Amino acid sequence: MIDCLNPACHQANPESATVCKHCQTALRLCDRYRPTHLLGQGGFGRTFLAVDEGQANHPACVIKQVWPSQFPDPDKIIELFHQEAQLLKELGHHSQIPQLLASFEQDNKLYLIQ
């Protein structure tokens, strides 16, 4: 199954779907990362277990979704998001820190792929 990435929609979709059957939101990030299970949710974002369909063996990964519009100062959270992504990139590989695979904005939401 694929969990919908739209915060207002909580529909699960068949793995073959490309858009949510309920709200028509794209179900893959960058045509690559497919959320399979919602791990957690707070007031400003959600975390999903996912698979990287851009790799031959479709390894597991985690999608961290942040909703800047939910913050009192959206510009500040966007700035902090980019700082965190840069810091994770600089830290590289470390056994105690999840590896950053990608960071980007899509549909007015911010994403870290780890």
PDB file of N, CA and C in Angstrom:
ATOM      1  N   MET A   1       0.840  -1.191   0.000  1.00  0.00           N
ATOM      2  CA  MET A   1       0.000   0.000   0.000  1.00  0.00           C
ATOM      3  C   MET A   1       0.884   1.253   0.000  1.00  0.00           C
ATOM      4  N   ILE A   2       0.299   2.354  -0.436  1.00  0.00           N
ATOM      5  CA  ILE A   2       0.976   3.641  -0.440  1.00  0.00           C
ATOM      6  C   ILE A   2       0.136   4.618   0.371  1.00  0.00           C
ATOM      7  N   ASP A   3       0.742   5.225   1.392  1.00  0.00           N
ATOM      8  CA  ASP A   3       0.046   6.254   2.161  1.00  0.00           C
ATOM      9  C   ASP A   3       0.081   7.569   1.390  1.00  0.00           C
ATOM     10  N   CYS A   4      -1.017   8.305   1.438  1.00  0.00           N
ATOM     11  CA  CYS A   4      -1.093   9.592   0.760  1.00  0.00           C
ATOM     12  C   CYS A   4      -0.212  10.610   1.477  1.00  0.00           C
ATOM     13  N   LEU A   5       0.460  11.463   0.712  1.00  0.00           N
ATOM     14  CA  LEU A   5       1.343  12.489   1.258  1.00  0.00           C
ATOM     15  C   LEU A   5       0.603  13.777   1.616  1.00  0.00           C
ATOM     16  N   ASN A   6      -0.648  13.890   1.226  1.00  0.00           N
ATOM     17  CA  ASN A   6      -1.450  15.073   1.529  1.00  0.00           C
ATOM     18  C   ASN A   6      -1.839  15.034   3.013  1.00  0.00           C
ATOM     19  N   PRO A   7      -1.445  16.042   3.803  1.00  0.00           N
ATOM     20  CA  PRO A   7      -1.752  16.035   5.236  1.00  0.00           C
ATOM     21  C   PRO A   7      -3.249  15.991   5.551  1.00  0.00           C
ATOM     22  N   ALA A   8      -4.077  16.433   4.632  1.00  0.00           N
ATOM     23  CA  ALA A   8      -5.522  16.442   4.863  1.00  0.00           C
ATOM     24  C   ALA A   8      -6.185  15.140   4.426  1.00  0.00           C
ATOM     25  N   CYS A   9      -5.427  14.235   3.858  1.00  0.00           N
ATOM     26  CA  CYS A   9      -5.969  12.976   3.341  1.00  0.00           C
ATOM     27  C   CYS A   9      -5.276  11.820   4.050  1.00  0.00           C
ATOM     28  N   HIS A  10      -6.016  10.854   4.464  1.00  0.00           N
ATOM     29  CA  HIS A  10      -5.436   9.721   5.192  1.00  0.00           C
ATOM     30  C   HIS A  10      -5.746   8.409   4.473  1.00  0.00           C
ATOM     31  N   GLN A  11      -5.800   8.460   3.160  1.00  0.00           N
ATOM     32  CA  GLN A  11      -6.152   7.283   2.377  1.00  0.00           C
ATOM     33  C   GLN A  11      -4.928   6.428   2.070  1.00  0.00           C
ATOM     34  N   ALA A  12      -5.121   5.137   2.097  1.00  0.00           N
ATOM     35  CA  ALA A  12      -4.115   4.198   1.615  1.00  0.00           C
ATOM     36  C   ALA A  12      -4.498   3.849   0.174  1.00  0.00           C
ATOM     37  N   ASN A  13      -3.495   3.644  -0.644  1.00  0.00           N
ATOM     38  CA  ASN A  13      -3.712   3.400  -2.065  1.00  0.00           C
ATOM     39  C   ASN A  13      -2.968   2.151  -2.500  1.00  0.00           C
ATOM     40  N   PRO A  14      -3.423   1.500  -3.582  1.00  0.00           N
ATOM     41  CA  PRO A  14      -2.706   0.330  -4.083  1.00  0.00           C
ATOM     42  C   PRO A  14      -1.300   0.721  -4.556  1.00  0.00           C
ATOM     43  N   GLU A  15      -0.364  -0.218  -4.484  1.00  0.00           N
ATOM     44  CA  GLU A  15       1.022   0.073  -4.869  1.00  0.00           C
ATOM     45  C   GLU A  15       1.149   0.517  -6.311  1.00  0.00           C
ATOM     46  N   SER A  16       0.230   0.130  -7.156  1.00  0.00           N
ATOM     47  CA  SER A  16       0.302   0.500  -8.570  1.00  0.00           C
ATOM     48  C   SER A  16      -0.172   1.938  -8.829  1.00  0.00           C
ATOM     49  N   ALA A  17      -0.813   2.563  -7.839  1.00  0.00           N
ATOM     50  CA  ALA A  17      -1.357   3.913  -8.024  1.00  0.00           C
ATOM     51  C   ALA A  17      -0.233   4.940  -8.137  1.00  0.00           C
ATOM     52  N   THR A  18      -0.459   5.953  -8.952  1.00  0.00           N
ATOM     53  CA  THR A  18       0.497   7.047  -9.078  1.00  0.00           C
ATOM     54  C   THR A  18      -0.012   8.318  -8.412  1.00  0.00           C
ATOM     55  N   VAL A  19      -1.340   8.420  -8.267  1.00  0.00           N
ATOM     56  CA  VAL A  19      -1.965   9.529  -7.545  1.00  0.00           C
ATOM     57  C   VAL A  19      -2.982   8.947  -6.570  1.00  0.00           C
ATOM     58  N   CYS A  20      -3.252   9.690  -5.500  1.00  0.00           N
ATOM     59  CA  CYS A  20      -4.210   9.239  -4.493  1.00  0.00           C
ATOM     60  C   CYS A  20      -5.598   9.129  -5.120  1.00  0.00           C
ATOM     61  N   LYS A  21      -6.261   8.021  -4.877  1.00  0.00           N
ATOM     62  CA  LYS A  21      -7.589   7.802  -5.436  1.00  0.00           C
ATOM     63  C   LYS A  21      -8.623   8.752  -4.833  1.00  0.00           C
ATOM     64  N   HIS A  22      -8.321   9.328  -3.677  1.00  0.00           N
ATOM     65  CA  HIS A  22      -9.258  10.220  -2.995  1.00  0.00           C
ATOM     66  C   HIS A  22      -9.017  11.694  -3.337  1.00  0.00           C
ATOM     67  N   CYS A  23      -7.755  12.158  -3.263  1.00  0.00           N
ATOM     68  CA  CYS A  23      -7.475  13.594  -3.419  1.00  0.00           C
ATOM     69  C   CYS A  23      -6.607  13.952  -4.624  1.00  0.00           C
ATOM     70  N   GLN A  24      -6.145  12.947  -5.355  1.00  0.00           N
ATOM     71  CA  GLN A  24      -5.351  13.148  -6.580  1.00  0.00           C
ATOM     72  C   GLN A  24      -3.940  13.695  -6.328  1.00  0.00           C
ATOM     73  N   THR A  25      -3.437  13.604  -5.107  1.00  0.00           N
ATOM     74  CA  THR A  25      -2.058  14.001  -4.801  1.00  0.00           C
ATOM     75  C   THR A  25      -1.102  12.948  -5.347  1.00  0.00           C
ATOM     76  N   ALA A  26       0.025  13.390  -5.913  1.00  0.00           N
ATOM     77  CA  ALA A  26       1.049  12.450  -6.381  1.00  0.00           C
ATOM     78  C   ALA A  26       1.518  11.597  -5.217  1.00  0.00           C
ATOM     79  N   LEU A  27       1.702  10.296  -5.459  1.00  0.00           N
ATOM     80  CA  LEU A  27       2.055   9.360  -4.399  1.00  0.00           C
ATOM     81  C   LEU A  27       3.541   9.036  -4.327  1.00  0.00           C
ATOM     82  N   ARG A  28       4.329   9.610  -5.182  1.00  0.00           N
ATOM     83  CA  ARG A  28       5.772   9.416  -5.134  1.00  0.00           C
ATOM     84  C   ARG A  28       6.443  10.782  -5.139  1.00  0.00           C
ATOM     85  N   LEU A  29       7.469  10.891  -4.329  1.00  0.00           N
ATOM     86  CA  LEU A  29       8.246  12.123  -4.296  1.00  0.00           C
ATOM     87  C   LEU A  29       9.362  12.017  -5.314  1.00  0.00           C
ATOM     88  N   CYS A  30       9.502  13.031  -6.129  1.00  0.00           N
ATOM     89  CA  CYS A  30      10.531  13.053  -7.178  1.00  0.00           C
ATOM     90  C   CYS A  30      10.429  11.811  -8.072  1.00  0.00           C
ATOM     91  N   ASP A  31       9.216  11.289  -8.237  1.00  0.00           N
ATOM     92  CA  ASP A  31       8.987  10.065  -9.024  1.00  0.00           C
ATOM     93  C   ASP A  31       9.888   8.924  -8.551  1.00  0.00           C
ATOM     94  N   ARG A  32      10.220   8.906  -7.270  1.00  0.00           N
ATOM     95  CA  ARG A  32      11.198   7.947  -6.778  1.00  0.00           C
ATOM     96  C   ARG A  32      10.868   7.361  -5.408  1.00  0.00           C
ATOM     97  N   TYR A  33      10.522   8.207  -4.443  1.00  0.00           N
ATOM     98  CA  TYR A  33      10.329   7.766  -3.067  1.00  0.00           C
ATOM     99  C   TYR A  33       8.848   7.482  -2.814  1.00  0.00           C
ATOM    100  N   ARG A  34       8.522   6.237  -2.428  1.00  0.00           N
ATOM    101  CA  ARG A  34       7.141   5.801  -2.230  1.00  0.00           C
ATOM    102  C   ARG A  34       6.884   5.542  -0.748  1.00  0.00           C
ATOM    103  N   PRO A  35       6.017   6.360  -0.110  1.00  0.00           N
ATOM    104  CA  PRO A  35       5.701   6.137   1.301  1.00  0.00           C
ATOM    105  C   PRO A  35       4.854   4.876   1.467  1.00  0.00           C
ATOM    106  N   THR A  36       5.255   4.014   2.384  1.00  0.00           N
ATOM    107  CA  THR A  36       4.530   2.767   2.581  1.00  0.00           C
ATOM    108  C   THR A  36       3.771   2.714   3.902  1.00  0.00           C
ATOM    109  N   HIS A  37       4.208   3.506   4.875  1.00  0.00           N
ATOM    110  CA  HIS A  37       3.589   3.424   6.195  1.00  0.00           C
ATOM    111  C   HIS A  37       3.869   4.701   6.975  1.00  0.00           C
ATOM    112  N   LEU A  38       2.842   5.309   7.519  1.00  0.00           N
ATOM    113  CA  LEU A  38       3.008   6.474   8.375  1.00  0.00           C
ATOM    114  C   LEU A  38       3.598   6.027   9.704  1.00  0.00           C
ATOM    115  N   LEU A  39       4.744   6.586  10.076  1.00  0.00           N
ATOM    116  CA  LEU A  39       5.386   6.245  11.349  1.00  0.00           C
ATOM    117  C   LEU A  39       4.944   7.160  12.474  1.00  0.00           C
ATOM    118  N   GLY A  40       4.731   8.428  12.160  1.00  0.00           N
ATOM    119  CA  GLY A  40       4.337   9.370  13.199  1.00  0.00           C
ATOM    120  C   GLY A  40       3.921  10.698  12.607  1.00  0.00           C
ATOM    121  N   GLN A  41       3.198  11.481  13.422  1.00  0.00           N
ATOM    122  CA  GLN A  41       2.693  12.763  12.956  1.00  0.00           C
ATOM    123  C   GLN A  41       2.626  13.726  14.118  1.00  0.00           C
ATOM    124  N   GLY A  42       2.970  14.974  13.845  1.00  0.00           N
ATOM    125  CA  GLY A  42       2.851  16.030  14.839  1.00  0.00           C
ATOM    126  C   GLY A  42       2.163  17.225  14.222  1.00  0.00           C
ATOM    127  N   GLY A  43       2.204  18.346  14.886  1.00  0.00           N
ATOM    128  CA  GLY A  43       1.532  19.541  14.406  1.00  0.00           C
ATOM    129  C   GLY A  43       2.163  20.175  13.186  1.00  0.00           C
ATOM    130  N   PHE A  44       3.422  19.835  12.915  1.00  0.00           N
ATOM    131  CA  PHE A  44       4.134  20.503  11.844  1.00  0.00           C
ATOM    132  C   PHE A  44       4.661  19.566  10.770  1.00  0.00           C
ATOM    133  N   GLY A  45       4.383  18.267  10.890  1.00  0.00           N
ATOM    134  CA  GLY A  45       4.886  17.357   9.878  1.00  0.00           C
ATOM    135  C   GLY A  45       4.611  15.907  10.199  1.00  0.00           C
ATOM    136  N   ARG A  46       5.092  15.050   9.304  1.00  0.00           N
ATOM    137  CA  ARG A  46       4.906  13.612   9.455  1.00  0.00           C
ATOM    138  C   ARG A  46       6.175  12.888   9.028  1.00  0.00           C
ATOM    139  N   THR A  47       6.280  11.629   9.461  1.00  0.00           N
ATOM    140  CA  THR A  47       7.393  10.768   9.093  1.00  0.00           C
ATOM    141  C   THR A  47       6.819   9.461   8.541  1.00  0.00           C
ATOM    142  N   PHE A  48       7.358   9.034   7.404  1.00  0.00           N
ATOM    143  CA  PHE A  48       6.895   7.821   6.738  1.00  0.00           C
ATOM    144  C   PHE A  48       8.037   6.837   6.557  1.00  0.00           C
ATOM    145  N   LEU A  49       7.747   5.572   6.671  1.00  0.00           N
ATOM    146  CA  LEU A  49       8.635   4.540   6.163  1.00  0.00           C
ATOM    147  C   LEU A  49       8.388   4.521   4.663  1.00  0.00           C
ATOM    148  N   ALA A  50       9.424   4.319   3.876  1.00  0.00           N
ATOM    149  CA  ALA A  50       9.287   4.407   2.423  1.00  0.00           C
ATOM    150  C   ALA A  50      10.261   3.464   1.736  1.00  0.00           C
ATOM    151  N   VAL A  51      10.129   3.388   0.429  1.00  0.00           N
ATOM    152  CA  VAL A  51      11.101   2.666  -0.386  1.00  0.00           C
ATOM    153  C   VAL A  51      11.606   3.607  -1.467  1.00  0.00           C
ATOM    154  N   ASP A  52      12.856   3.412  -1.834  1.00  0.00           N
ATOM    155  CA  ASP A  52      13.498   4.204  -2.881  1.00  0.00           C
ATOM    156  C   ASP A  52      13.406   3.415  -4.180  1.00  0.00           C
ATOM    157  N   GLU A  53      12.435   3.760  -5.002  1.00  0.00           N
ATOM    158  CA  GLU A  53      12.243   3.046  -6.263  1.00  0.00           C
ATOM    159  C   GLU A  53      13.258   3.457  -7.325  1.00  0.00           C
ATOM    160  N   GLY A  54      14.118   4.414  -7.008  1.00  0.00           N
ATOM    161  CA  GLY A  54      15.167   4.823  -7.922  1.00  0.00           C
ATOM    162  C   GLY A  54      16.391   3.916  -7.858  1.00  0.00           C
ATOM    163  N   GLN A  55      16.426   3.037  -6.876  1.00  0.00           N
ATOM    164  CA  GLN A  55      17.526   2.081  -6.713  1.00  0.00           C
ATOM    165  C   GLN A  55      17.037   0.703  -7.154  1.00  0.00           C
ATOM    166  N   ALA A  56      17.927  -0.088  -7.704  1.00  0.00           N
ATOM    167  CA  ALA A  56      17.556  -1.402  -8.237  1.00  0.00           C
ATOM    168  C   ALA A  56      16.931  -2.315  -7.189  1.00  0.00           C
ATOM    169  N   ASN A  57      17.426  -2.305  -5.974  1.00  0.00           N
ATOM    170  CA  ASN A  57      16.921  -3.211  -4.939  1.00  0.00           C
ATOM    171  C   ASN A  57      15.830  -2.595  -4.064  1.00  0.00           C
ATOM    172  N   HIS A  58      15.370  -1.369  -4.403  1.00  0.00           N
ATOM    173  CA  HIS A  58      14.316  -0.663  -3.677  1.00  0.00           C
ATOM    174  C   HIS A  58      14.543  -0.658  -2.163  1.00  0.00           C
ATOM    175  N   PRO A  59      15.670  -0.085  -1.714  1.00  0.00           N
ATOM    176  CA  PRO A  59      15.957  -0.093  -0.269  1.00  0.00           C
ATOM    177  C   PRO A  59      14.963   0.752   0.526  1.00  0.00           C
ATOM    178  N   ALA A  60      14.832   0.407   1.794  1.00  0.00           N
ATOM    179  CA  ALA A  60      13.979   1.176   2.699  1.00  0.00           C
ATOM    180  C   ALA A  60      14.627   2.523   3.000  1.00  0.00           C
ATOM    181  N   CYS A  61      13.799   3.505   3.246  1.00  0.00           N
ATOM    182  CA  CYS A  61      14.267   4.822   3.649  1.00  0.00           C
ATOM    183  C   CYS A  61      13.164   5.460   4.495  1.00  0.00           C
ATOM    184  N   VAL A  62      13.422   6.658   4.984  1.00  0.00           N
ATOM    185  CA  VAL A  62      12.449   7.397   5.776  1.00  0.00           C
ATOM    186  C   VAL A  62      12.222   8.750   5.115  1.00  0.00           C
ATOM    187  N   ILE A  63      10.963   9.135   5.036  1.00  0.00           N
ATOM    188  CA  ILE A  63      10.590  10.456   4.520  1.00  0.00           C
ATOM    189  C   ILE A  63      10.164  11.306   5.713  1.00  0.00           C
ATOM    190  N   LYS A  64      10.816  12.447   5.873  1.00  0.00           N
ATOM    191  CA  LYS A  64      10.386  13.420   6.884  1.00  0.00           C
ATOM    192  C   LYS A  64       9.758  14.593   6.132  1.00  0.00           C
ATOM    193  N   GLN A  65       8.486  14.835   6.397  1.00  0.00           N
ATOM    194  CA  GLN A  65       7.711  15.872   5.715  1.00  0.00           C
ATOM    195  C   GLN A  65       7.440  17.002   6.704  1.00  0.00           C
ATOM    196  N   VAL A  66       7.777  18.242   6.311  1.00  0.00           N
ATOM    197  CA  VAL A  66       7.561  19.414   7.153  1.00  0.00           C
ATOM    198  C   VAL A  66       6.610  20.359   6.421  1.00  0.00           C
ATOM    199  N   TRP A  67       5.645  20.904   7.159  1.00  0.00           N
ATOM    200  CA  TRP A  67       4.661  21.826   6.599  1.00  0.00           C
ATOM    201  C   TRP A  67       4.987  23.250   7.050  1.00  0.00           C
ATOM    202  N   PRO A  68       5.751  24.015   6.278  1.00  0.00           N
ATOM    203  CA  PRO A  68       6.133  25.372   6.702  1.00  0.00           C
ATOM    204  C   PRO A  68       4.939  26.269   7.003  1.00  0.00           C
ATOM    205  N   SER A  69       3.832  26.072   6.299  1.00  0.00           N
ATOM    206  CA  SER A  69       2.676  26.946   6.492  1.00  0.00           C
ATOM    207  C   SER A  69       2.066  26.806   7.883  1.00  0.00           C
ATOM    208  N   GLN A  70       2.395  25.744   8.613  1.00  0.00           N
ATOM    209  CA  GLN A  70       1.851  25.533   9.957  1.00  0.00           C
ATOM    210  C   GLN A  70       2.651  26.266  11.032  1.00  0.00           C
ATOM    211  N   PHE A  71       3.794  26.835  10.671  1.00  0.00           N
ATOM    212  CA  PHE A  71       4.639  27.540  11.626  1.00  0.00           C
ATOM    213  C   PHE A  71       4.275  29.023  11.656  1.00  0.00           C
ATOM    214  N   PRO A  72       4.431  29.671  12.811  1.00  0.00           N
ATOM    215  CA  PRO A  72       4.154  31.112  12.895  1.00  0.00           C
ATOM    216  C   PRO A  72       5.026  31.928  11.938  1.00  0.00           C
ATOM    217  N   ASP A  73       6.261  31.463  11.700  1.00  0.00           N
ATOM    218  CA  ASP A  73       7.188  32.160  10.800  1.00  0.00           C
ATOM    219  C   ASP A  73       7.692  31.156   9.757  1.00  0.00           C
ATOM    220  N   PRO A  74       6.926  30.950   8.673  1.00  0.00           N
ATOM    221  CA  PRO A  74       7.306  29.946   7.665  1.00  0.00           C
ATOM    222  C   PRO A  74       8.692  30.170   7.065  1.00  0.00           C
ATOM    223  N   ASP A  75       9.078  31.424   6.872  1.00  0.00           N
ATOM    224  CA  ASP A  75      10.396  31.691   6.298  1.00  0.00           C
ATOM    225  C   ASP A  75      11.510  31.195   7.211  1.00  0.00           C
ATOM    226  N   LYS A  76      11.310  31.320   8.515  1.00  0.00           N
ATOM    227  CA  LYS A  76      12.323  30.875   9.474  1.00  0.00           C
ATOM    228  C   LYS A  76      12.457  29.355   9.436  1.00  0.00           C
ATOM    229  N   ILE A  77      11.343  28.637   9.366  1.00  0.00           N
ATOM    230  CA  ILE A  77      11.423  27.174   9.340  1.00  0.00           C
ATOM    231  C   ILE A  77      12.061  26.694   8.039  1.00  0.00           C
ATOM    232  N   ILE A  78      11.819  27.391   6.950  1.00  0.00           N
ATOM    233  CA  ILE A  78      12.467  27.021   5.686  1.00  0.00           C
ATOM    234  C   ILE A  78      13.973  27.210   5.813  1.00  0.00           C
ATOM    235  N   GLU A  79      14.386  28.313   6.422  1.00  0.00           N
ATOM    236  CA  GLU A  79      15.812  28.565   6.645  1.00  0.00           C
ATOM    237  C   GLU A  79      16.429  27.480   7.536  1.00  0.00           C
ATOM    238  N   LEU A  80      15.749  27.130   8.629  1.00  0.00           N
ATOM    239  CA  LEU A  80      16.251  26.090   9.533  1.00  0.00           C
ATOM    240  C   LEU A  80      16.287  24.720   8.854  1.00  0.00           C
ATOM    241  N   PHE A  81      15.311  24.440   8.030  1.00  0.00           N
ATOM    242  CA  PHE A  81      15.283  23.187   7.281  1.00  0.00           C
ATOM    243  C   PHE A  81      16.526  23.069   6.396  1.00  0.00           C
ATOM    244  N   HIS A  82      16.835  24.130   5.653  1.00  0.00           N
ATOM    245  CA  HIS A  82      18.003  24.104   4.767  1.00  0.00           C
ATOM    246  C   HIS A  82      19.307  23.998   5.563  1.00  0.00           C
ATOM    247  N   GLN A  83      19.357  24.632   6.737  1.00  0.00           N
ATOM    248  CA  GLN A  83      20.533  24.506   7.592  1.00  0.00           C
ATOM    249  C   GLN A  83      20.704  23.069   8.069  1.00  0.00           C
ATOM    250  N   GLU A  84      19.609  22.431   8.485  1.00  0.00           N
ATOM    251  CA  GLU A  84      19.690  21.044   8.938  1.00  0.00           C
ATOM    252  C   GLU A  84      20.137  20.126   7.803  1.00  0.00           C
ATOM    253  N   ALA A  85      19.576  20.323   6.614  1.00  0.00           N
ATOM    254  CA  ALA A  85      19.958  19.497   5.472  1.00  0.00           C
ATOM    255  C   ALA A  85      21.448  19.670   5.162  1.00  0.00           C
ATOM    256  N   GLN A  86      21.930  20.892   5.195  1.00  0.00           N
ATOM    257  CA  GLN A  86      23.345  21.154   4.926  1.00  0.00           C
ATOM    258  C   GLN A  86      24.232  20.506   5.980  1.00  0.00           C
ATOM    259  N   LEU A  87      23.837  20.606   7.239  1.00  0.00           N
ATOM    260  CA  LEU A  87      24.612  20.006   8.318  1.00  0.00           C
ATOM    261  C   LEU A  87      24.652  18.480   8.174  1.00  0.00           C
ATOM    262  N   LEU A  88      23.506  17.871   7.877  1.00  0.00           N
ATOM    263  CA  LEU A  88      23.481  16.418   7.679  1.00  0.00           C
ATOM    264  C   LEU A  88      24.368  16.007   6.507  1.00  0.00           C
ATOM    265  N   LYS A  89      24.360  16.821   5.461  1.00  0.00           N
ATOM    266  CA  LYS A  89      25.211  16.530   4.301  1.00  0.00           C
ATOM    267  C   LYS A  89      26.687  16.613   4.682  1.00  0.00           C
ATOM    268  N   GLU A  90      27.056  17.630   5.457  1.00  0.00           N
ATOM    269  CA  GLU A  90      28.446  17.801   5.874  1.00  0.00           C
ATOM    270  C   GLU A  90      28.905  16.688   6.809  1.00  0.00           C
ATOM    271  N   LEU A  91      28.001  16.206   7.674  1.00  0.00           N
ATOM    272  CA  LEU A  91      28.360  15.135   8.602  1.00  0.00           C
ATOM    273  C   LEU A  91      28.610  13.820   7.870  1.00  0.00           C
ATOM    274  N   GLY A  92      27.964  13.642   6.739  1.00  0.00           N
ATOM    275  CA  GLY A  92      28.195  12.437   5.940  1.00  0.00           C
ATOM    276  C   GLY A  92      27.734  11.181   6.636  1.00  0.00           C
ATOM    277  N   HIS A  93      28.570  10.166   6.596  1.00  0.00           N
ATOM    278  CA  HIS A  93      28.231   8.863   7.177  1.00  0.00           C
ATOM    279  C   HIS A  93      28.732   8.783   8.619  1.00  0.00           C
ATOM    280  N   HIS A  94      27.812   8.509   9.519  1.00  0.00           N
ATOM    281  CA  HIS A  94      28.150   8.321  10.919  1.00  0.00           C
ATOM    282  C   HIS A  94      27.166   7.306  11.483  1.00  0.00           C
ATOM    283  N   SER A  95      27.641   6.387  12.289  1.00  0.00           N
ATOM    284  CA  SER A  95      26.797   5.298  12.776  1.00  0.00           C
ATOM    285  C   SER A  95      25.638   5.779  13.656  1.00  0.00           C
ATOM    286  N   GLN A  96      25.738   6.971  14.235  1.00  0.00           N
ATOM    287  CA  GLN A  96      24.703   7.461  15.140  1.00  0.00           C
ATOM    288  C   GLN A  96      23.781   8.510  14.504  1.00  0.00           C
ATOM    289  N   ILE A  97      24.001   8.814  13.223  1.00  0.00           N
ATOM    290  CA  ILE A  97      23.214   9.841  12.546  1.00  0.00           C
ATOM    291  C   ILE A  97      22.665   9.259  11.248  1.00  0.00           C
ATOM    292  N   PRO A  98      21.340   9.366  11.025  1.00  0.00           N
ATOM    293  CA  PRO A  98      20.794   8.857   9.764  1.00  0.00           C
ATOM    294  C   PRO A  98      21.424   9.579   8.569  1.00  0.00           C
ATOM    295  N   GLN A  99      21.738   8.832   7.550  1.00  0.00           N
ATOM    296  CA  GLN A  99      22.358   9.394   6.353  1.00  0.00           C
ATOM    297  C   GLN A  99      21.328  10.171   5.542  1.00  0.00           C
ATOM    298  N   LEU A 100      21.668  11.375   5.140  1.00  0.00           N
ATOM    299  CA  LEU A 100      20.806  12.182   4.287  1.00  0.00           C
ATOM    300  C   LEU A 100      20.941  11.699   2.853  1.00  0.00           C
ATOM    301  N   LEU A 101      19.834  11.271   2.263  1.00  0.00           N
ATOM    302  CA  LEU A 101      19.830  10.832   0.869  1.00  0.00           C
ATOM    303  C   LEU A 101      19.402  11.958  -0.058  1.00  0.00           C
ATOM    304  N   ALA A 102      18.486  12.795   0.413  1.00  0.00           N
ATOM    305  CA  ALA A 102      17.999  13.908  -0.408  1.00  0.00           C
ATOM    306  C   ALA A 102      17.266  14.904   0.473  1.00  0.00           C
ATOM    307  N   SER A 103      17.187  16.144   0.003  1.00  0.00           N
ATOM    308  CA  SER A 103      16.356  17.163   0.636  1.00  0.00           C
ATOM    309  C   SER A 103      15.805  18.038  -0.482  1.00  0.00           C
ATOM    310  N   PHE A 104      14.517  18.388  -0.383  1.00  0.00           N
ATOM    311  CA  PHE A 104      13.888  19.160  -1.446  1.00  0.00           C
ATOM    312  C   PHE A 104      12.537  19.687  -0.982  1.00  0.00           C
ATOM    313  N   GLU A 105      11.961  20.561  -1.810  1.00  0.00           N
ATOM    314  CA  GLU A 105      10.618  21.067  -1.589  1.00  0.00           C
ATOM    315  C   GLU A 105       9.735  20.554  -2.714  1.00  0.00           C
ATOM    316  N   GLN A 106       8.529  20.121  -2.357  1.00  0.00           N
ATOM    317  CA  GLN A 106       7.560  19.664  -3.354  1.00  0.00           C
ATOM    318  C   GLN A 106       6.170  19.983  -2.826  1.00  0.00           C
ATOM    319  N   ASP A 107       5.343  20.594  -3.637  1.00  0.00           N
ATOM    320  CA  ASP A 107       3.957  20.919  -3.268  1.00  0.00           C
ATOM    321  C   ASP A 107       3.881  21.711  -1.968  1.00  0.00           C
ATOM    322  N   ASN A 108       4.746  22.713  -1.811  1.00  0.00           N
ATOM    323  CA  ASN A 108       4.777  23.592  -0.640  1.00  0.00           C
ATOM    324  C   ASN A 108       5.063  22.860   0.676  1.00  0.00           C
ATOM    325  N   LYS A 109       5.741  21.741   0.580  1.00  0.00           N
ATOM    326  CA  LYS A 109       6.174  21.006   1.757  1.00  0.00           C
ATOM    327  C   LYS A 109       7.663  20.730   1.611  1.00  0.00           C
ATOM    328  N   LEU A 110       8.342  20.583   2.749  1.00  0.00           N
ATOM    329  CA  LEU A 110       9.779  20.309   2.756  1.00  0.00           C
ATOM    330  C   LEU A 110       9.994  18.853   3.086  1.00  0.00           C
ATOM    331  N   TYR A 111      11.008  18.247   2.454  1.00  0.00           N
ATOM    332  CA  TYR A 111      11.261  16.822   2.657  1.00  0.00           C
ATOM    333  C   TYR A 111      12.729  16.552   2.890  1.00  0.00           C
ATOM    334  N   LEU A 112      12.985  15.685   3.882  1.00  0.00           N
ATOM    335  CA  LEU A 112      14.285  15.071   4.098  1.00  0.00           C
ATOM    336  C   LEU A 112      14.093  13.586   3.836  1.00  0.00           C
ATOM    337  N   ILE A 113      14.977  12.998   3.051  1.00  0.00           N
ATOM    338  CA  ILE A 113      14.960  11.566   2.816  1.00  0.00           C
ATOM    339  C   ILE A 113      16.207  11.018   3.474  1.00  0.00           C
ATOM    340  N   GLN A 114      16.001  10.077   4.391  1.00  0.00           N
ATOM    341  CA  GLN A 114      17.128   9.506   5.136  1.00  0.00           C
ATOM    342  C   GLN A 114      17.070   8.006   5.069  1.00  0.00           C
TER     343      GLN A 114
END
